[in-house]
Amino acid sequence: VRKDADSSERVLMDMRWGLVPSWFKKDDPSKMQFNTSNCRSDTMLKKSSYKGALLKGKRCVVLADGFYEWQQHSGGKQPYFIYFPQSKDAMAEGKEGDEEWRGWRLLTMAGIFDCWEPPSGGETLYTYTIITVDASKDVSFIHHRQVRAGKGAAGRMPAILDGDEAIRKWLDFAEVPTQEAVKLIQPTENIVFHPVSTFVNSVRNNAPECLTPIELGAKKEVEATPSSKVMLGWLKNSQEGSPQKKENDLPRWTSQFIHSPSPKKSSADILQQWLGKEGEPAAKKHKA
């Protein structure tokens, strides 16, 4: 974090997933012997990998369309896509000159970042971890498994910041101290989900099939919920707006979660609007 930074300023940056602590001494971060992609909320102030960064106010928000979880059953593992409920506005066309984004509501997940500099010199590496909490009641059945005592064991899910006020408090490291900020890290019930094809199981697959709802048993596409109907409409509009015309050329997304936007607004437009910094020069991305 810059010493002269305004704590209310929001900066968009590319970071690598998997936090590398600033104190890591080896020249190659891939030599870390532990996984830091996710960080448990109940131990994040105890683990040396996260405690230092957290106490220094290095809090961030990770944006994604949603995330996947797999349910274990006798036939294998069934993937589910989990996301914020979507309003009908996600399918609506904005009026000319309308600055308000009406598309997909991105998940806003709480994270911690750190800045690592190679001991021998070189470019600073920015990395992050996603904080996890106990799974909420609505999705706990996905994680449910039988343990020896005969009781169910709940899994984990990302810590989701629901609403602008929660996001503001989490990011404002100067006005909101660490002990107050960590109180925001709680499971949320404001999420929806639907089963998707095992097509998503391969990281090589990056297409609308990864999100399209299916009917369990029949394995056919189905409009399962009001929110998934909005998602289907969104996928359809995205494909119609794609400059790719070949039938086999499916839209390519910037990640497994973020899909091609409608031609009126790009994913960068969405993120810049969320940051409240539309029109900022690209060079600002390098400040943190």
C-alpha atoms as a PDB file:
ATOM      1  CA  VAL A   1       0.000   0.000   0.000  1.00  0.00           C
ATOM      2  CA  ARG A   2       1.420   3.411  -0.926  1.00  0.00           C
ATOM      3  CA  LYS A   3       2.290   5.557   2.073  1.00  0.00           C
ATOM      4  CA  ASP A   4       0.598   8.545   0.439  1.00  0.00           C
ATOM      5  CA  ALA A   5      -2.473   6.579  -0.659  1.00  0.00           C
ATOM      6  CA  ASP A   6      -5.986   7.763   0.076  1.00  0.00           C
ATOM      7  CA  SER A   7      -7.485   4.815   1.948  1.00  0.00           C
ATOM      8  CA  SER A   8     -10.839   5.298   0.197  1.00  0.00           C
ATOM      9  CA  GLU A   9      -9.259   5.069  -3.269  1.00  0.00           C
ATOM     10  CA  ARG A  10     -10.019   1.929  -5.247  1.00  0.00           C
ATOM     11  CA  VAL A  11      -7.369   0.609  -7.614  1.00  0.00           C
ATOM     12  CA  LEU A  12      -7.824  -2.185 -10.155  1.00  0.00           C
ATOM     13  CA  MET A  13      -4.824  -4.492 -10.462  1.00  0.00           C
ATOM     14  CA  ASP A  14      -3.845  -7.803 -11.988  1.00  0.00           C
ATOM     15  CA  MET A  15      -2.601 -10.122  -9.264  1.00  0.00           C
ATOM     16  CA  ARG A  16      -1.562 -13.758  -9.191  1.00  0.00           C
ATOM     17  CA  TRP A  17      -3.810 -16.127  -7.239  1.00  0.00           C
ATOM     18  CA  GLY A  18      -1.886 -17.715  -4.375  1.00  0.00           C
ATOM     19  CA  LEU A  19      -0.420 -15.271  -1.866  1.00  0.00           C
ATOM     20  CA  VAL A  20       3.362 -15.035  -1.665  1.00  0.00           C
ATOM     21  CA  PRO A  21       4.293 -13.402   1.686  1.00  0.00           C
ATOM     22  CA  SER A  22       6.611 -10.394   1.508  1.00  0.00           C
ATOM     23  CA  TRP A  23       9.008 -12.238   3.835  1.00  0.00           C
ATOM     24  CA  PHE A  24       9.475 -15.232   1.495  1.00  0.00           C
ATOM     25  CA  LYS A  25      13.238 -15.397   0.857  1.00  0.00           C
ATOM     26  CA  LYS A  26      13.694 -17.773  -2.086  1.00  0.00           C
ATOM     27  CA  ASP A  27      14.164 -16.399  -5.615  1.00  0.00           C
ATOM     28  CA  ASP A  28      11.332 -18.473  -7.086  1.00  0.00           C
ATOM     29  CA  PRO A  29       7.844 -18.110  -5.521  1.00  0.00           C
ATOM     30  CA  SER A  30       6.839 -21.465  -7.005  1.00  0.00           C
ATOM     31  CA  LYS A  31       9.182 -23.069  -4.446  1.00  0.00           C
ATOM     32  CA  MET A  32       6.696 -22.302  -1.670  1.00  0.00           C
ATOM     33  CA  GLN A  33       5.800 -25.616  -0.046  1.00  0.00           C
ATOM     34  CA  PHE A  34       2.287 -24.673   1.030  1.00  0.00           C
ATOM     35  CA  ASN A  35      -0.873 -23.637  -0.804  1.00  0.00           C
ATOM     36  CA  THR A  36      -2.097 -20.081  -0.211  1.00  0.00           C
ATOM     37  CA  SER A  37      -4.978 -19.889  -2.699  1.00  0.00           C
ATOM     38  CA  ASN A  38      -7.497 -19.897   0.151  1.00  0.00           C
ATOM     39  CA  CYS A  39      -7.214 -18.618   3.708  1.00  0.00           C
ATOM     40  CA  ARG A  40      -9.449 -19.740   6.559  1.00  0.00           C
ATOM     41  CA  SER A  41     -11.156 -16.845   8.346  1.00  0.00           C
ATOM     42  CA  ASP A  42     -10.729 -18.465  11.760  1.00  0.00           C
ATOM     43  CA  THR A  43      -6.933 -18.711  11.488  1.00  0.00           C
ATOM     44  CA  MET A  44      -5.979 -15.790   9.225  1.00  0.00           C
ATOM     45  CA  LEU A  45      -4.791 -13.681  12.175  1.00  0.00           C
ATOM     46  CA  LYS A  46      -2.666 -16.570  13.429  1.00  0.00           C
ATOM     47  CA  LYS A  47      -0.955 -17.756  10.253  1.00  0.00           C
ATOM     48  CA  SER A  48       2.293 -15.933   9.446  1.00  0.00           C
ATOM     49  CA  SER A  49       1.479 -16.058   5.721  1.00  0.00           C
ATOM     50  CA  TYR A  50      -1.533 -13.780   6.173  1.00  0.00           C
ATOM     51  CA  LYS A  51      -1.270 -12.016   9.530  1.00  0.00           C
ATOM     52  CA  GLY A  52       1.360  -9.468   8.529  1.00  0.00           C
ATOM     53  CA  ALA A  53      -0.408  -8.409   5.331  1.00  0.00           C
ATOM     54  CA  LEU A  54      -3.786  -8.264   7.074  1.00  0.00           C
ATOM     55  CA  LEU A  55      -2.521  -6.100   9.938  1.00  0.00           C
ATOM     56  CA  LYS A  56      -0.942  -3.741   7.393  1.00  0.00           C
ATOM     57  CA  GLY A  57      -4.347  -3.226   5.764  1.00  0.00           C
ATOM     58  CA  LYS A  58      -3.635  -5.174   2.598  1.00  0.00           C
ATOM     59  CA  ARG A  59      -7.283  -6.062   2.027  1.00  0.00           C
ATOM     60  CA  CYS A  60      -8.742  -6.553  -1.437  1.00  0.00           C
ATOM     61  CA  VAL A  61     -11.941  -7.646  -3.179  1.00  0.00           C
ATOM     62  CA  VAL A  62     -11.794 -10.456  -5.733  1.00  0.00           C
ATOM     63  CA  LEU A  63     -14.385 -10.230  -8.520  1.00  0.00           C
ATOM     64  CA  ALA A  64     -15.912 -13.194 -10.358  1.00  0.00           C
ATOM     65  CA  ASP A  65     -19.197 -14.197 -11.957  1.00  0.00           C
ATOM     66  CA  GLY A  66     -19.418 -17.008  -9.415  1.00  0.00           C
ATOM     67  CA  PHE A  67     -17.644 -20.132  -8.221  1.00  0.00           C
ATOM     68  CA  TYR A  68     -18.022 -23.895  -8.447  1.00  0.00           C
ATOM     69  CA  GLU A  69     -18.452 -26.587  -5.838  1.00  0.00           C
ATOM     70  CA  TRP A  70     -18.694 -30.332  -6.361  1.00  0.00           C
ATOM     71  CA  GLN A  71     -21.095 -32.644  -4.542  1.00  0.00           C
ATOM     72  CA  GLN A  72     -19.880 -36.179  -3.921  1.00  0.00           C
ATOM     73  CA  HIS A  73     -22.409 -38.931  -4.665  1.00  0.00           C
ATOM     74  CA  SER A  74     -22.387 -42.591  -5.658  1.00  0.00           C
ATOM     75  CA  GLY A  75     -22.065 -41.766  -9.356  1.00  0.00           C
ATOM     76  CA  GLY A  76     -19.138 -39.388  -8.915  1.00  0.00           C
ATOM     77  CA  LYS A  77     -19.005 -35.641  -8.352  1.00  0.00           C
ATOM     78  CA  GLN A  78     -21.746 -33.251  -9.492  1.00  0.00           C
ATOM     79  CA  PRO A  79     -20.611 -29.639 -10.095  1.00  0.00           C
ATOM     80  CA  TYR A  80     -22.750 -26.644  -9.067  1.00  0.00           C
ATOM     81  CA  PHE A  81     -22.350 -23.018 -10.113  1.00  0.00           C
ATOM     82  CA  ILE A  82     -22.910 -20.558  -7.224  1.00  0.00           C
ATOM     83  CA  TYR A  83     -23.535 -16.833  -7.707  1.00  0.00           C
ATOM     84  CA  PHE A  84     -25.477 -13.743  -6.602  1.00  0.00           C
ATOM     85  CA  PRO A  85     -29.234 -13.666  -7.429  1.00  0.00           C
ATOM     86  CA  GLN A  86     -29.629 -11.804 -10.701  1.00  0.00           C
ATOM     87  CA  SER A  87     -32.232  -9.133 -11.429  1.00  0.00           C
ATOM     88  CA  LYS A  88     -34.128  -8.787 -14.694  1.00  0.00           C
ATOM     89  CA  ASP A  89     -32.005  -5.723 -15.390  1.00  0.00           C
ATOM     90  CA  ALA A  90     -29.202  -8.103 -16.324  1.00  0.00           C
ATOM     91  CA  MET A  91     -31.042  -8.718 -19.593  1.00  0.00           C
ATOM     92  CA  ALA A  92     -32.244  -5.173 -20.138  1.00  0.00           C
ATOM     93  CA  GLU A  93     -30.742  -2.786 -22.653  1.00  0.00           C
ATOM     94  CA  GLY A  94     -29.640   0.498 -21.102  1.00  0.00           C
ATOM     95  CA  LYS A  95     -30.760   3.777 -22.599  1.00  0.00           C
ATOM     96  CA  GLU A  96     -28.329   5.784 -24.701  1.00  0.00           C
ATOM     97  CA  GLY A  97     -25.931   7.594 -22.393  1.00  0.00           C
ATOM     98  CA  ASP A  98     -26.999   5.482 -19.398  1.00  0.00           C
ATOM     99  CA  GLU A  99     -23.931   5.181 -17.149  1.00  0.00           C
ATOM    100  CA  GLU A 100     -25.437   2.565 -14.844  1.00  0.00           C
ATOM    101  CA  TRP A 101     -24.338  -1.003 -15.450  1.00  0.00           C
ATOM    102  CA  ARG A 102     -27.374  -3.278 -15.752  1.00  0.00           C
ATOM    103  CA  GLY A 103     -25.636  -6.546 -16.468  1.00  0.00           C
ATOM    104  CA  TRP A 104     -24.433  -9.492 -14.427  1.00  0.00           C
ATOM    105  CA  ARG A 105     -23.906  -8.783 -10.730  1.00  0.00           C
ATOM    106  CA  LEU A 106     -20.387  -9.954  -9.948  1.00  0.00           C
ATOM    107  CA  LEU A 107     -19.565 -11.810  -6.752  1.00  0.00           C
ATOM    108  CA  THR A 108     -17.424  -9.672  -4.451  1.00  0.00           C
ATOM    109  CA  MET A 109     -15.190 -11.956  -2.409  1.00  0.00           C
ATOM    110  CA  ALA A 110     -12.991 -10.779   0.456  1.00  0.00           C
ATOM    111  CA  GLY A 111      -9.271 -11.293  -0.038  1.00  0.00           C
ATOM    112  CA  ILE A 112      -5.835 -10.428   1.323  1.00  0.00           C
ATOM    113  CA  PHE A 113      -2.932  -9.407  -0.906  1.00  0.00           C
ATOM    114  CA  ASP A 114       0.794  -8.959  -0.465  1.00  0.00           C
ATOM    115  CA  CYS A 115       3.729  -7.541  -2.409  1.00  0.00           C
ATOM    116  CA  TRP A 116       6.797  -9.745  -2.867  1.00  0.00           C
ATOM    117  CA  GLU A 117      10.147  -8.547  -4.215  1.00  0.00           C
ATOM    118  CA  PRO A 118      12.731 -11.062  -5.482  1.00  0.00           C
ATOM    119  CA  PRO A 119      15.755 -11.090  -3.135  1.00  0.00           C
ATOM    120  CA  SER A 120      18.086 -10.657  -6.121  1.00  0.00           C
ATOM    121  CA  GLY A 121      16.052  -7.724  -7.437  1.00  0.00           C
ATOM    122  CA  GLY A 122      13.372  -7.461 -10.065  1.00  0.00           C
ATOM    123  CA  GLU A 123       9.742  -6.543 -10.532  1.00  0.00           C
ATOM    124  CA  THR A 124       7.394  -6.630  -7.543  1.00  0.00           C
ATOM    125  CA  LEU A 125       4.917  -9.506  -7.627  1.00  0.00           C
ATOM    126  CA  TYR A 126       1.371  -8.837  -6.373  1.00  0.00           C
ATOM    127  CA  THR A 127      -0.478 -11.923  -5.164  1.00  0.00           C
ATOM    128  CA  TYR A 128      -3.708 -12.606  -3.265  1.00  0.00           C
ATOM    129  CA  THR A 129      -5.652 -15.200  -1.350  1.00  0.00           C
ATOM    130  CA  ILE A 130      -9.437 -15.620  -1.020  1.00  0.00           C
ATOM    131  CA  ILE A 131     -10.778 -15.790   2.535  1.00  0.00           C
ATOM    132  CA  THR A 132     -13.086 -18.732   3.245  1.00  0.00           C
ATOM    133  CA  VAL A 133     -15.798 -19.276   5.850  1.00  0.00           C
ATOM    134  CA  ASP A 134     -18.092 -22.149   6.819  1.00  0.00           C
ATOM    135  CA  ALA A 135     -20.562 -22.887   4.039  1.00  0.00           C
ATOM    136  CA  SER A 136     -23.941 -21.176   4.442  1.00  0.00           C
ATOM    137  CA  LYS A 137     -27.060 -23.250   5.103  1.00  0.00           C
ATOM    138  CA  ASP A 138     -28.274 -22.951   1.521  1.00  0.00           C
ATOM    139  CA  VAL A 139     -25.200 -24.572   0.013  1.00  0.00           C
ATOM    140  CA  SER A 140     -24.087 -26.780   2.901  1.00  0.00           C
ATOM    141  CA  PHE A 141     -25.853 -29.775   1.347  1.00  0.00           C
ATOM    142  CA  ILE A 142     -23.358 -29.617  -1.540  1.00  0.00           C
ATOM    143  CA  HIS A 143     -20.481 -30.102   0.900  1.00  0.00           C
ATOM    144  CA  HIS A 144     -22.337 -32.527   3.185  1.00  0.00           C
ATOM    145  CA  ARG A 145     -20.536 -35.797   3.765  1.00  0.00           C
ATOM    146  CA  GLN A 146     -20.876 -38.562   6.301  1.00  0.00           C
ATOM    147  CA  VAL A 147     -18.198 -38.858   8.962  1.00  0.00           C
ATOM    148  CA  ARG A 148     -17.479 -41.764  11.273  1.00  0.00           C
ATOM    149  CA  ALA A 149     -19.684 -40.451  14.082  1.00  0.00           C
ATOM    150  CA  GLY A 150     -22.622 -40.380  11.689  1.00  0.00           C
ATOM    151  CA  LYS A 151     -22.905 -36.591  11.621  1.00  0.00           C
ATOM    152  CA  GLY A 152     -22.561 -34.342   8.600  1.00  0.00           C
ATOM    153  CA  ALA A 153     -19.505 -32.172   8.103  1.00  0.00           C
ATOM    154  CA  ALA A 154     -20.000 -28.795   6.438  1.00  0.00           C
ATOM    155  CA  GLY A 155     -17.496 -27.467   3.906  1.00  0.00           C
ATOM    156  CA  ARG A 156     -16.113 -24.031   3.150  1.00  0.00           C
ATOM    157  CA  MET A 157     -17.068 -21.240   0.785  1.00  0.00           C
ATOM    158  CA  PRO A 158     -15.595 -17.840  -0.167  1.00  0.00           C
ATOM    159  CA  ALA A 159     -16.282 -14.954   2.217  1.00  0.00           C
ATOM    160  CA  ILE A 160     -18.682 -12.813   0.181  1.00  0.00           C
ATOM    161  CA  LEU A 161     -19.076  -9.079   0.808  1.00  0.00           C
ATOM    162  CA  ASP A 162     -22.725  -8.335   0.065  1.00  0.00           C
ATOM    163  CA  GLY A 163     -23.357  -4.696  -0.783  1.00  0.00           C
ATOM    164  CA  ASP A 164     -21.477  -1.436  -1.223  1.00  0.00           C
ATOM    165  CA  GLU A 165     -21.197  -0.676   2.495  1.00  0.00           C
ATOM    166  CA  ALA A 166     -19.517  -3.994   3.305  1.00  0.00           C
ATOM    167  CA  ILE A 167     -17.153  -3.494   0.368  1.00  0.00           C
ATOM    168  CA  ARG A 168     -16.330   0.056   1.468  1.00  0.00           C
ATOM    169  CA  LYS A 169     -15.519  -1.002   5.023  1.00  0.00           C
ATOM    170  CA  TRP A 170     -13.388  -3.934   3.923  1.00  0.00           C
ATOM    171  CA  LEU A 171     -11.316  -1.816   1.534  1.00  0.00           C
ATOM    172  CA  ASP A 172     -10.913   1.301   3.690  1.00  0.00           C
ATOM    173  CA  PHE A 173      -7.872   0.126   5.649  1.00  0.00           C
ATOM    174  CA  ALA A 174      -7.291   3.490   7.387  1.00  0.00           C
ATOM    175  CA  GLU A 175     -10.804   4.241   8.583  1.00  0.00           C
ATOM    176  CA  VAL A 176     -11.766   0.640   9.423  1.00  0.00           C
ATOM    177  CA  PRO A 177      -9.174  -1.175  11.580  1.00  0.00           C
ATOM    178  CA  THR A 178      -8.446  -4.864  11.141  1.00  0.00           C
ATOM    179  CA  GLN A 179     -10.437  -6.059  14.175  1.00  0.00           C
ATOM    180  CA  GLU A 180     -13.564  -4.273  12.900  1.00  0.00           C
ATOM    181  CA  ALA A 181     -13.052  -5.341   9.295  1.00  0.00           C
ATOM    182  CA  VAL A 182     -12.809  -9.051  10.143  1.00  0.00           C
ATOM    183  CA  LYS A 183     -16.341  -8.871  11.598  1.00  0.00           C
ATOM    184  CA  LEU A 184     -17.545  -8.480   7.988  1.00  0.00           C
ATOM    185  CA  ILE A 185     -16.260 -11.953   7.184  1.00  0.00           C
ATOM    186  CA  GLN A 186     -19.388 -14.070   7.644  1.00  0.00           C
ATOM    187  CA  PRO A 187     -21.266 -16.664   5.559  1.00  0.00           C
ATOM    188  CA  THR A 188     -24.001 -15.151   3.404  1.00  0.00           C
ATOM    189  CA  GLU A 189     -27.366 -16.633   2.495  1.00  0.00           C
ATOM    190  CA  ASN A 190     -27.844 -14.227  -0.418  1.00  0.00           C
ATOM    191  CA  ILE A 191     -26.649 -16.646  -3.085  1.00  0.00           C
ATOM    192  CA  VAL A 192     -28.263 -19.023  -5.552  1.00  0.00           C
ATOM    193  CA  PHE A 193     -26.928 -22.047  -7.404  1.00  0.00           C
ATOM    194  CA  HIS A 194     -27.760 -24.674  -9.988  1.00  0.00           C
ATOM    195  CA  PRO A 195     -26.182 -27.917 -11.251  1.00  0.00           C
ATOM    196  CA  VAL A 196     -24.044 -27.691 -14.385  1.00  0.00           C
ATOM    197  CA  SER A 197     -22.517 -30.228 -16.747  1.00  0.00           C
ATOM    198  CA  THR A 198     -19.346 -32.113 -15.802  1.00  0.00           C
ATOM    199  CA  PHE A 199     -17.989 -30.370 -18.910  1.00  0.00           C
ATOM    200  CA  VAL A 200     -16.643 -27.839 -16.392  1.00  0.00           C
ATOM    201  CA  ASN A 201     -14.463 -30.498 -14.748  1.00  0.00           C
ATOM    202  CA  SER A 202     -11.760 -29.989 -17.376  1.00  0.00           C
ATOM    203  CA  VAL A 203      -9.791 -26.728 -17.086  1.00  0.00           C
ATOM    204  CA  ARG A 204      -9.431 -26.826 -20.881  1.00  0.00           C
ATOM    205  CA  ASN A 205     -13.139 -26.143 -21.274  1.00  0.00           C
ATOM    206  CA  ASN A 206     -14.009 -22.449 -21.264  1.00  0.00           C
ATOM    207  CA  ALA A 207     -17.432 -22.002 -22.845  1.00  0.00           C
ATOM    208  CA  PRO A 208     -21.100 -21.254 -21.971  1.00  0.00           C
ATOM    209  CA  GLU A 209     -21.665 -24.943 -21.175  1.00  0.00           C
ATOM    210  CA  CYS A 210     -19.712 -24.329 -17.962  1.00  0.00           C
ATOM    211  CA  LEU A 211     -22.591 -22.188 -16.652  1.00  0.00           C
ATOM    212  CA  THR A 212     -25.698 -23.559 -18.363  1.00  0.00           C
ATOM    213  CA  PRO A 213     -28.167 -25.202 -15.906  1.00  0.00           C
ATOM    214  CA  ILE A 214     -28.896 -28.898 -16.376  1.00  0.00           C
ATOM    215  CA  GLU A 215     -31.615 -31.185 -15.057  1.00  0.00           C
ATOM    216  CA  LEU A 216     -30.075 -33.845 -12.849  1.00  0.00           C
ATOM    217  CA  GLY A 217     -30.691 -37.317 -14.187  1.00  0.00           C
ATOM    218  CA  ALA A 218     -31.738 -36.147 -17.626  1.00  0.00           C
ATOM    219  CA  LYS A 219     -28.553 -34.125 -18.212  1.00  0.00           C
ATOM    220  CA  LYS A 220     -30.405 -31.693 -20.426  1.00  0.00           C
ATOM    221  CA  GLU A 221     -30.542 -27.929 -20.288  1.00  0.00           C
ATOM    222  CA  VAL A 222     -33.317 -26.515 -18.140  1.00  0.00           C
ATOM    223  CA  GLU A 223     -34.366 -23.073 -16.919  1.00  0.00           C
ATOM    224  CA  ALA A 224     -34.251 -24.045 -13.268  1.00  0.00           C
ATOM    225  CA  THR A 225     -34.795 -20.805 -11.357  1.00  0.00           C
ATOM    226  CA  PRO A 226     -35.676 -17.154 -12.070  1.00  0.00           C
ATOM    227  CA  SER A 227     -32.024 -16.248 -11.566  1.00  0.00           C
ATOM    228  CA  SER A 228     -30.796 -18.948 -13.928  1.00  0.00           C
ATOM    229  CA  LYS A 229     -33.330 -17.753 -16.524  1.00  0.00           C
ATOM    230  CA  VAL A 230     -31.641 -14.372 -16.367  1.00  0.00           C
ATOM    231  CA  MET A 231     -28.280 -16.098 -16.755  1.00  0.00           C
ATOM    232  CA  LEU A 232     -29.462 -18.009 -19.831  1.00  0.00           C
ATOM    233  CA  GLY A 233     -30.677 -14.770 -21.380  1.00  0.00           C
ATOM    234  CA  TRP A 234     -27.359 -13.156 -20.554  1.00  0.00           C
ATOM    235  CA  LEU A 235     -25.410 -15.996 -22.187  1.00  0.00           C
ATOM    236  CA  LYS A 236     -27.603 -15.790 -25.283  1.00  0.00           C
ATOM    237  CA  ASN A 237     -27.130 -12.041 -25.588  1.00  0.00           C
ATOM    238  CA  SER A 238     -23.382 -12.407 -25.083  1.00  0.00           C
ATOM    239  CA  GLN A 239     -23.098 -14.937 -27.877  1.00  0.00           C
ATOM    240  CA  GLU A 240     -25.266 -12.901 -30.263  1.00  0.00           C
ATOM    241  CA  GLY A 241     -23.083  -9.873 -29.620  1.00  0.00           C
ATOM    242  CA  SER A 242     -19.849 -11.757 -30.244  1.00  0.00           C
ATOM    243  CA  PRO A 243     -17.880 -10.800 -33.363  1.00  0.00           C
ATOM    244  CA  GLN A 244     -17.078 -14.487 -33.841  1.00  0.00           C
ATOM    245  CA  LYS A 245     -19.384 -15.957 -36.467  1.00  0.00           C
ATOM    246  CA  LYS A 246     -18.187 -19.538 -36.831  1.00  0.00           C
ATOM    247  CA  GLU A 247     -20.549 -21.998 -35.196  1.00  0.00           C
ATOM    248  CA  ASN A 248     -17.745 -23.808 -33.397  1.00  0.00           C
ATOM    249  CA  ASP A 249     -16.032 -20.636 -32.188  1.00  0.00           C
ATOM    250  CA  LEU A 250     -17.533 -20.281 -28.714  1.00  0.00           C
ATOM    251  CA  PRO A 251     -16.945 -16.998 -26.873  1.00  0.00           C
ATOM    252  CA  ARG A 252     -13.658 -16.892 -24.980  1.00  0.00           C
ATOM    253  CA  TRP A 253     -13.803 -15.491 -21.470  1.00  0.00           C
ATOM    254  CA  THR A 254     -11.022 -13.774 -19.585  1.00  0.00           C
ATOM    255  CA  SER A 255     -11.311 -16.444 -16.890  1.00  0.00           C
ATOM    256  CA  GLN A 256     -13.318 -19.545 -16.151  1.00  0.00           C
ATOM    257  CA  PHE A 257     -15.939 -17.321 -14.538  1.00  0.00           C
ATOM    258  CA  ILE A 258     -16.070 -14.059 -16.538  1.00  0.00           C
ATOM    259  CA  HIS A 259     -17.797 -14.350 -19.908  1.00  0.00           C
ATOM    260  CA  SER A 260     -17.909 -12.191 -23.010  1.00  0.00           C
ATOM    261  CA  PRO A 261     -19.907  -9.016 -22.338  1.00  0.00           C
ATOM    262  CA  SER A 262     -22.465  -7.422 -24.606  1.00  0.00           C
ATOM    263  CA  PRO A 263     -20.934  -5.128 -27.265  1.00  0.00           C
ATOM    264  CA  LYS A 264     -22.036  -1.965 -25.441  1.00  0.00           C
ATOM    265  CA  LYS A 265     -19.811  -2.471 -22.398  1.00  0.00           C
ATOM    266  CA  SER A 266     -16.617  -4.446 -21.876  1.00  0.00           C
ATOM    267  CA  SER A 267     -15.582  -6.278 -18.721  1.00  0.00           C
ATOM    268  CA  ALA A 268     -13.099  -3.445 -18.155  1.00  0.00           C
ATOM    269  CA  ASP A 269     -15.999  -0.967 -18.262  1.00  0.00           C
ATOM    270  CA  ILE A 270     -17.834  -2.963 -15.599  1.00  0.00           C
ATOM    271  CA  LEU A 271     -14.835  -3.141 -13.299  1.00  0.00           C
ATOM    272  CA  GLN A 272     -13.911   0.514 -13.800  1.00  0.00           C
ATOM    273  CA  GLN A 273     -17.471   1.530 -12.948  1.00  0.00           C
ATOM    274  CA  TRP A 274     -17.409  -0.659  -9.833  1.00  0.00           C
ATOM    275  CA  LEU A 275     -14.183   1.042  -8.837  1.00  0.00           C
ATOM    276  CA  GLY A 276     -15.807   4.433  -9.367  1.00  0.00           C
ATOM    277  CA  LYS A 277     -12.813   5.498 -11.425  1.00  0.00           C
ATOM    278  CA  GLU A 278     -14.040   5.447 -15.030  1.00  0.00           C
ATOM    279  CA  GLY A 279     -11.662   7.167 -17.360  1.00  0.00           C
ATOM    280  CA  GLU A 280      -8.597   6.809 -15.113  1.00  0.00           C
ATOM    281  CA  PRO A 281      -5.321   6.390 -17.034  1.00  0.00           C
ATOM    282  CA  ALA A 282      -4.070   2.841 -17.386  1.00  0.00           C
ATOM    283  CA  ALA A 283      -0.856   3.730 -15.576  1.00  0.00           C
ATOM    284  CA  LYS A 284      -2.833   4.005 -12.335  1.00  0.00           C
ATOM    285  CA  LYS A 285      -3.166   0.236 -12.287  1.00  0.00           C
ATOM    286  CA  HIS A 286       0.420  -0.051 -11.121  1.00  0.00           C
ATOM    287  CA  LYS A 287      -0.224   1.815  -7.879  1.00  0.00           C
ATOM    288  CA  ALA A 288      -1.183  -0.241  -4.862  1.00  0.00           C
END
